[in-house]
Amino acid sequence: MKITSIGEILFDLFPNHKKLGGAPLNFIFHIHKLTGEGNIISRVGKDILGTKAVDEIKFAGLNTEYIQIDRIHPTGVANVTLDEDGNPEFEIDVERAFDFIEATDEVKHLVNNETNCLYFGTLAQRSETSRKSIQSLFNNRDLKYFCDLNLRNDFFDEEIVEASLTAADFLKVNYKEMGLLNDMITQIDYNTEKVAYELMEQFNISMIAVTRGKDGSTIFENGKRYDYSSTDVKVKDTTGAGDAFAAMLCLGYLQGLEINRINKLANDFAGEICMIDGAIPKNDRIYDNFRELIGIY
């Protein structure tokens, strides 16, 4: 499985520390740790944070060949505050390096010749440059496209969302985002199942996963609904839990695992991430058990 992600690399700035993150990086970090494969296309500034980001990514064993260096715009940052339940709120600075990702010949070659599945979201599409670069990669019929919607702040509009849904073979959203999709697109009396099937038919989407945080998730696929209720975990920080869910969902889907099994594995893996600080584990122990469970050795 040759999986590539494209989008933001940024630092999450907590009150007392900072953590390297961004949904596309968190996602591909987990993919790499579980499979030994994976590439990310992004852009960081030629600054202290950009150097730190590249160094940390290299140290983790990920390929940095497709991380562009921007000499004008600084590395992305997001100010994070956690509520009493450990749920994050993000204030994301604009005009950052990841807003200026270029679809270079090397990027196009990677996606068109060395990728089976392309992961993308909407945050990096907030700017014209990155939006055009990302959407220029949406026309390869040999690829699977995985959209993890991630509707952050006001950095999206109907055009961005519809282009993303049109490209997507499979889709992950949270419960709140599902309501926004209904308000924006389907505009029916809200019912998660009805909205999911309407979107799947309108945009030819094979599978939709709707996450509900501590209440688990629902996956819609092939006319069927699969519900999973999570077991209680001692939540420390939910930052990146959705990205962990997405990584396991993607691997399970591409391997053709049974949907109920995918749903459980994705929730269990996200739960493990909720018990650590930030979105990326400090060591690889968390991955050992899941690598075996998902059938990757």
Protein backbone atom coordinates (compact mmCIF):
# COMPACT_ATOMS: atom_id res chain seq x y z
CA MET A 1 0.00 0.00 0.00
CA LYS A 2 1.59 3.23 -1.19
CA ILE A 3 -0.17 6.01 0.69
CA THR A 4 0.58 9.71 0.27
CA SER A 5 -0.88 12.61 2.25
CA ILE A 6 -0.95 16.23 1.16
CA GLY A 7 -1.64 19.32 3.23
CA GLU A 8 -0.57 21.19 6.33
CA ILE A 9 2.42 20.67 8.56
CA LEU A 10 2.21 22.94 11.58
CA PHE A 11 3.03 23.20 15.25
CA ASP A 12 0.24 22.99 17.80
CA LEU A 13 1.05 25.64 20.40
CA PHE A 14 -0.28 24.63 23.82
CA PRO A 15 -0.06 26.97 26.84
CA ASN A 16 3.15 25.33 28.11
CA HIS A 17 4.62 23.47 25.15
CA LYS A 18 4.44 22.94 21.38
CA LYS A 19 3.87 19.77 19.39
CA LEU A 20 4.51 19.01 15.74
CA GLY A 21 1.23 18.24 14.01
CA GLY A 22 -1.25 18.93 11.26
CA ALA A 23 -3.77 16.27 10.26
CA PRO A 24 -1.93 15.11 7.09
CA LEU A 25 1.31 14.67 9.06
CA ASN A 26 -0.35 12.93 12.01
CA PHE A 27 -2.13 10.60 9.60
CA ILE A 28 0.94 9.65 7.55
CA PHE A 29 3.07 9.35 10.71
CA HIS A 30 0.75 6.57 11.91
CA ILE A 31 0.67 4.98 8.45
CA HIS A 32 4.46 4.94 8.36
CA LYS A 33 4.80 3.49 11.85
CA LEU A 34 2.27 0.76 11.03
CA THR A 35 3.46 -0.14 7.52
CA GLY A 36 6.96 1.26 7.05
CA GLU A 37 5.66 3.21 4.04
CA GLY A 38 4.15 6.62 3.34
CA ASN A 39 5.00 10.06 1.94
CA ILE A 40 3.82 13.56 2.77
CA ILE A 41 3.59 16.55 0.45
CA SER A 42 3.69 19.82 2.37
CA ARG A 43 5.59 23.06 2.89
CA VAL A 44 7.35 24.67 5.86
CA GLY A 45 9.14 27.97 6.31
CA LYS A 46 12.88 28.54 6.19
CA ASP A 47 12.84 29.28 9.91
CA ILE A 48 13.49 27.66 13.28
CA LEU A 49 10.16 25.85 13.37
CA GLY A 50 10.56 24.63 9.78
CA THR A 51 13.99 23.21 10.56
CA LYS A 52 12.64 21.59 13.72
CA ALA A 53 9.73 20.06 11.79
CA VAL A 54 11.96 18.53 9.12
CA ASP A 55 14.42 17.23 11.72
CA GLU A 56 11.66 15.59 13.77
CA ILE A 57 10.09 14.02 10.69
CA LYS A 58 13.46 12.67 9.54
CA PHE A 59 14.12 11.29 13.03
CA ALA A 60 10.82 9.41 12.86
CA GLY A 61 12.01 7.75 9.64
CA LEU A 62 9.60 9.52 7.30
CA ASN A 63 10.71 10.72 3.89
CA THR A 64 11.07 14.53 3.74
CA GLU A 65 11.77 14.73 0.01
CA TYR A 66 8.37 16.25 -0.75
CA ILE A 67 8.36 18.83 2.05
CA GLN A 68 9.00 22.13 0.30
CA ILE A 69 10.92 24.98 1.94
CA ASP A 70 9.34 28.44 1.71
CA ARG A 71 11.74 31.38 1.96
CA ILE A 72 8.94 33.95 2.34
CA HIS A 73 6.17 32.49 4.49
CA PRO A 74 6.67 31.10 8.00
CA THR A 75 5.92 27.59 9.20
CA GLY A 76 2.31 26.98 10.18
CA VAL A 77 1.16 27.28 13.79
CA ALA A 78 -2.11 26.67 15.61
CA ASN A 79 -2.82 28.00 19.10
CA VAL A 80 -4.55 25.21 21.04
CA THR A 81 -6.72 25.37 24.13
CA LEU A 82 -8.16 22.27 25.79
CA ASP A 83 -11.51 22.20 27.55
CA GLU A 84 -12.10 20.25 30.78
CA ASP A 85 -12.70 17.06 28.77
CA GLY A 86 -9.42 17.37 26.85
CA ASN A 87 -11.10 18.49 23.60
CA PRO A 88 -9.03 21.01 21.62
CA GLU A 89 -10.00 24.31 20.07
CA PHE A 90 -7.69 25.65 17.35
CA GLU A 91 -6.82 29.19 16.33
CA ILE A 92 -4.83 28.77 13.12
CA ASP A 93 -2.65 31.55 11.73
CA VAL A 94 -3.03 32.48 8.05
CA GLU A 95 -0.52 33.15 5.26
CA ARG A 96 1.67 30.25 6.36
CA ALA A 97 4.00 28.07 4.30
CA PHE A 98 1.46 25.26 3.88
CA ASP A 99 -0.81 27.75 2.09
CA PHE A 100 1.70 27.79 -0.79
CA ILE A 101 2.24 24.12 -1.65
CA GLU A 102 3.34 23.73 -5.27
CA ALA A 103 2.34 20.86 -7.55
CA THR A 104 5.86 20.35 -8.87
CA ASP A 105 6.82 17.71 -11.43
CA GLU A 106 8.23 15.64 -8.57
CA VAL A 107 4.94 15.88 -6.67
CA LYS A 108 2.93 14.87 -9.75
CA HIS A 109 5.23 11.94 -10.38
CA LEU A 110 4.89 10.74 -6.79
CA VAL A 111 1.09 10.89 -6.88
CA ASN A 112 0.60 9.52 -10.38
CA ASN A 113 3.25 6.79 -10.36
CA GLU A 114 4.10 5.86 -6.78
CA THR A 115 0.81 6.26 -4.90
CA ASN A 116 -2.22 3.98 -4.50
CA CYS A 117 -4.16 6.24 -2.11
CA LEU A 118 -4.03 10.02 -1.67
CA TYR A 119 -5.18 11.50 1.64
CA PHE A 120 -6.29 15.14 1.76
CA GLY A 121 -8.46 17.53 3.77
CA THR A 122 -9.82 21.05 3.43
CA LEU A 123 -7.62 23.23 5.65
CA ALA A 124 -4.71 23.46 3.18
CA GLN A 125 -7.23 24.31 0.46
CA ARG A 126 -8.10 27.60 2.18
CA SER A 127 -5.55 29.44 -0.01
CA GLU A 128 -5.66 29.63 -3.79
CA THR A 129 -2.14 28.29 -4.33
CA SER A 130 -2.43 25.13 -2.27
CA ARG A 131 -6.04 24.60 -3.34
CA LYS A 132 -5.08 24.60 -7.02
CA SER A 133 -2.12 22.31 -6.33
CA ILE A 134 -4.20 19.79 -4.36
CA GLN A 135 -7.15 19.78 -6.74
CA SER A 136 -4.82 19.37 -9.74
CA LEU A 137 -4.09 15.89 -8.35
CA PHE A 138 -7.76 14.83 -8.30
CA ASN A 139 -7.91 13.39 -11.82
CA ASN A 140 -6.13 10.02 -11.53
CA ARG A 141 -8.64 7.21 -11.96
CA ASP A 142 -6.10 4.63 -10.79
CA LEU A 143 -5.97 6.16 -7.29
CA LYS A 144 -8.17 5.87 -4.26
CA TYR A 145 -8.85 9.28 -2.72
CA PHE A 146 -9.41 9.54 1.03
CA CYS A 147 -10.93 12.81 2.22
CA ASP A 148 -10.68 13.57 5.95
CA LEU A 149 -12.81 16.69 5.83
CA ASN A 150 -11.46 18.58 8.91
CA LEU A 151 -13.61 21.71 8.61
CA ARG A 152 -11.55 24.14 10.70
CA ASN A 153 -12.76 27.59 11.72
CA ASP A 154 -14.04 29.44 8.63
CA PHE A 155 -11.37 28.05 6.30
CA PHE A 156 -13.76 26.36 3.88
CA ASP A 157 -16.62 27.13 1.54
CA GLU A 158 -19.13 25.20 -0.55
CA GLU A 159 -16.83 25.07 -3.58
CA ILE A 160 -13.95 23.53 -1.59
CA VAL A 161 -16.24 21.02 0.09
CA GLU A 162 -17.97 19.95 -3.13
CA ALA A 163 -14.66 19.54 -4.99
CA SER A 164 -13.36 17.42 -2.12
CA LEU A 165 -16.47 15.22 -1.97
CA THR A 166 -16.43 14.80 -5.74
CA ALA A 167 -12.86 13.50 -5.60
CA ALA A 168 -13.36 11.25 -2.57
CA ASP A 169 -13.71 7.48 -2.82
CA PHE A 170 -14.11 7.31 0.95
CA LEU A 171 -14.73 10.00 3.52
CA LYS A 172 -14.26 10.62 7.24
CA VAL A 173 -16.20 13.34 9.06
CA ASN A 174 -17.18 14.01 12.64
CA TYR A 175 -20.74 14.36 13.83
CA LYS A 176 -20.63 18.17 13.82
CA GLU A 177 -19.25 18.23 10.28
CA MET A 178 -22.06 15.95 9.14
CA GLY A 179 -24.53 18.59 10.27
CA LEU A 180 -22.60 21.26 8.37
CA LEU A 181 -22.67 19.11 5.22
CA ASN A 182 -26.43 18.83 5.53
CA ASP A 183 -26.79 22.60 5.98
CA MET A 184 -24.52 23.24 3.01
CA ILE A 185 -25.37 20.49 0.54
CA THR A 186 -28.11 17.95 1.22
CA GLN A 187 -30.48 20.28 3.06
CA ILE A 188 -32.90 17.66 4.33
CA ASP A 189 -34.47 17.05 7.74
CA TYR A 190 -31.34 15.98 9.58
CA ASN A 191 -30.78 12.30 10.04
CA THR A 192 -27.21 11.00 9.94
CA GLU A 193 -28.08 7.92 7.93
CA LYS A 194 -30.18 9.79 5.37
CA VAL A 195 -27.53 12.49 4.91
CA ALA A 196 -24.80 9.84 4.52
CA TYR A 197 -26.66 7.94 1.82
CA GLU A 198 -27.62 11.16 0.05
CA LEU A 199 -23.97 12.24 -0.06
CA MET A 200 -22.81 8.80 -1.16
CA GLU A 201 -25.26 8.81 -4.06
CA GLN A 202 -24.70 12.41 -5.08
CA PHE A 203 -20.89 12.22 -5.04
CA ASN A 204 -20.36 8.50 -5.76
CA ILE A 205 -18.64 7.88 -2.40
CA SER A 206 -18.06 4.23 -1.46
CA MET A 207 -17.83 4.64 2.30
CA ILE A 208 -18.48 7.33 4.91
CA ALA A 209 -17.27 7.14 8.50
CA VAL A 210 -18.88 9.48 11.03
CA THR A 211 -17.02 9.82 14.33
CA ARG A 212 -18.70 10.78 17.59
CA GLY A 213 -15.73 11.13 19.94
CA LYS A 214 -16.15 9.10 23.13
CA ASP A 215 -19.46 7.74 21.77
CA GLY A 216 -17.75 5.79 18.99
CA SER A 217 -18.50 5.95 15.29
CA THR A 218 -20.77 4.84 12.48
CA ILE A 219 -19.61 3.60 9.09
CA PHE A 220 -21.89 3.53 6.06
CA GLU A 221 -20.89 1.23 3.23
CA ASN A 222 -22.68 -0.69 0.48
CA GLY A 223 -26.12 0.24 1.78
CA LYS A 224 -25.40 -0.91 5.32
CA ARG A 225 -24.82 0.84 8.62
CA TYR A 226 -22.20 -0.29 11.14
CA ASP A 227 -22.18 1.22 14.64
CA TYR A 228 -19.47 0.92 17.25
CA SER A 229 -19.52 2.26 20.80
CA SER A 230 -16.10 2.97 22.27
CA THR A 231 -14.95 1.63 25.60
CA ASP A 232 -14.10 4.20 28.27
CA VAL A 233 -10.54 5.50 28.24
CA LYS A 234 -8.73 7.87 30.56
CA VAL A 235 -8.63 10.88 28.27
CA LYS A 236 -5.59 13.10 28.61
CA ASP A 237 -5.79 14.99 25.32
CA THR A 238 -8.00 14.26 22.30
CA THR A 239 -5.75 16.20 19.89
CA GLY A 240 -5.08 13.98 16.89
CA ALA A 241 -7.57 11.27 17.84
CA GLY A 242 -9.44 11.78 14.58
CA ASP A 243 -6.20 11.47 12.61
CA ALA A 244 -5.44 8.17 14.34
CA PHE A 245 -8.94 6.95 13.53
CA ALA A 246 -8.41 8.01 9.90
CA ALA A 247 -5.12 6.10 9.61
CA MET A 248 -6.63 2.86 10.84
CA LEU A 249 -9.76 3.39 8.74
CA CYS A 250 -7.63 3.90 5.64
CA LEU A 251 -5.50 0.81 6.19
CA GLY A 252 -8.49 -1.36 6.98
CA TYR A 253 -10.41 -0.13 3.94
CA LEU A 254 -7.49 -0.62 1.55
CA GLN A 255 -6.88 -4.12 2.90
CA GLY A 256 -10.52 -5.04 2.51
CA LEU A 257 -11.09 -5.83 6.18
CA GLU A 258 -14.61 -6.47 7.44
CA ILE A 259 -16.26 -3.14 8.33
CA ASN A 260 -17.09 -4.01 11.94
CA ARG A 261 -13.46 -4.92 12.49
CA ILE A 262 -12.25 -1.67 10.91
CA ASN A 263 -14.63 0.30 13.12
CA LYS A 264 -13.37 -1.33 16.32
CA LEU A 265 -9.68 -1.04 15.40
CA ALA A 266 -10.04 2.62 14.43
CA ASN A 267 -11.80 3.49 17.68
CA ASP A 268 -9.37 1.50 19.81
CA PHE A 269 -6.37 3.15 18.14
CA ALA A 270 -7.88 6.63 18.54
CA GLY A 271 -8.52 5.81 22.20
CA GLU A 272 -4.84 5.03 22.71
CA ILE A 273 -3.89 8.41 21.25
CA CYS A 274 -6.32 10.11 23.65
CA MET A 275 -4.29 8.78 26.57
CA ILE A 276 -1.07 10.60 25.57
CA ASP A 277 -0.05 14.26 25.24
CA GLY A 278 -0.51 15.50 21.69
CA ALA A 279 -1.18 13.60 18.49
CA ILE A 280 2.09 11.70 18.00
CA PRO A 281 3.41 9.08 20.45
CA LYS A 282 6.88 9.51 21.90
CA ASN A 283 7.73 5.84 21.29
CA ASP A 284 6.57 3.06 18.99
CA ARG A 285 5.12 0.64 21.55
CA ILE A 286 1.57 1.71 20.77
CA TYR A 287 1.96 0.47 17.19
CA ASP A 288 3.20 -3.06 17.87
CA ASN A 289 -0.14 -4.57 18.83
CA PHE A 290 -2.13 -2.76 16.16
CA ARG A 291 0.32 -3.76 13.43
CA GLU A 292 -0.49 -7.38 14.17
CA LEU A 293 -4.23 -6.78 14.59
CA ILE A 294 -4.53 -5.13 11.19
CA GLY A 295 -2.49 -7.87 9.53
CA ILE A 296 0.75 -5.98 8.82
CA TYR A 297 3.94 -7.67 9.98
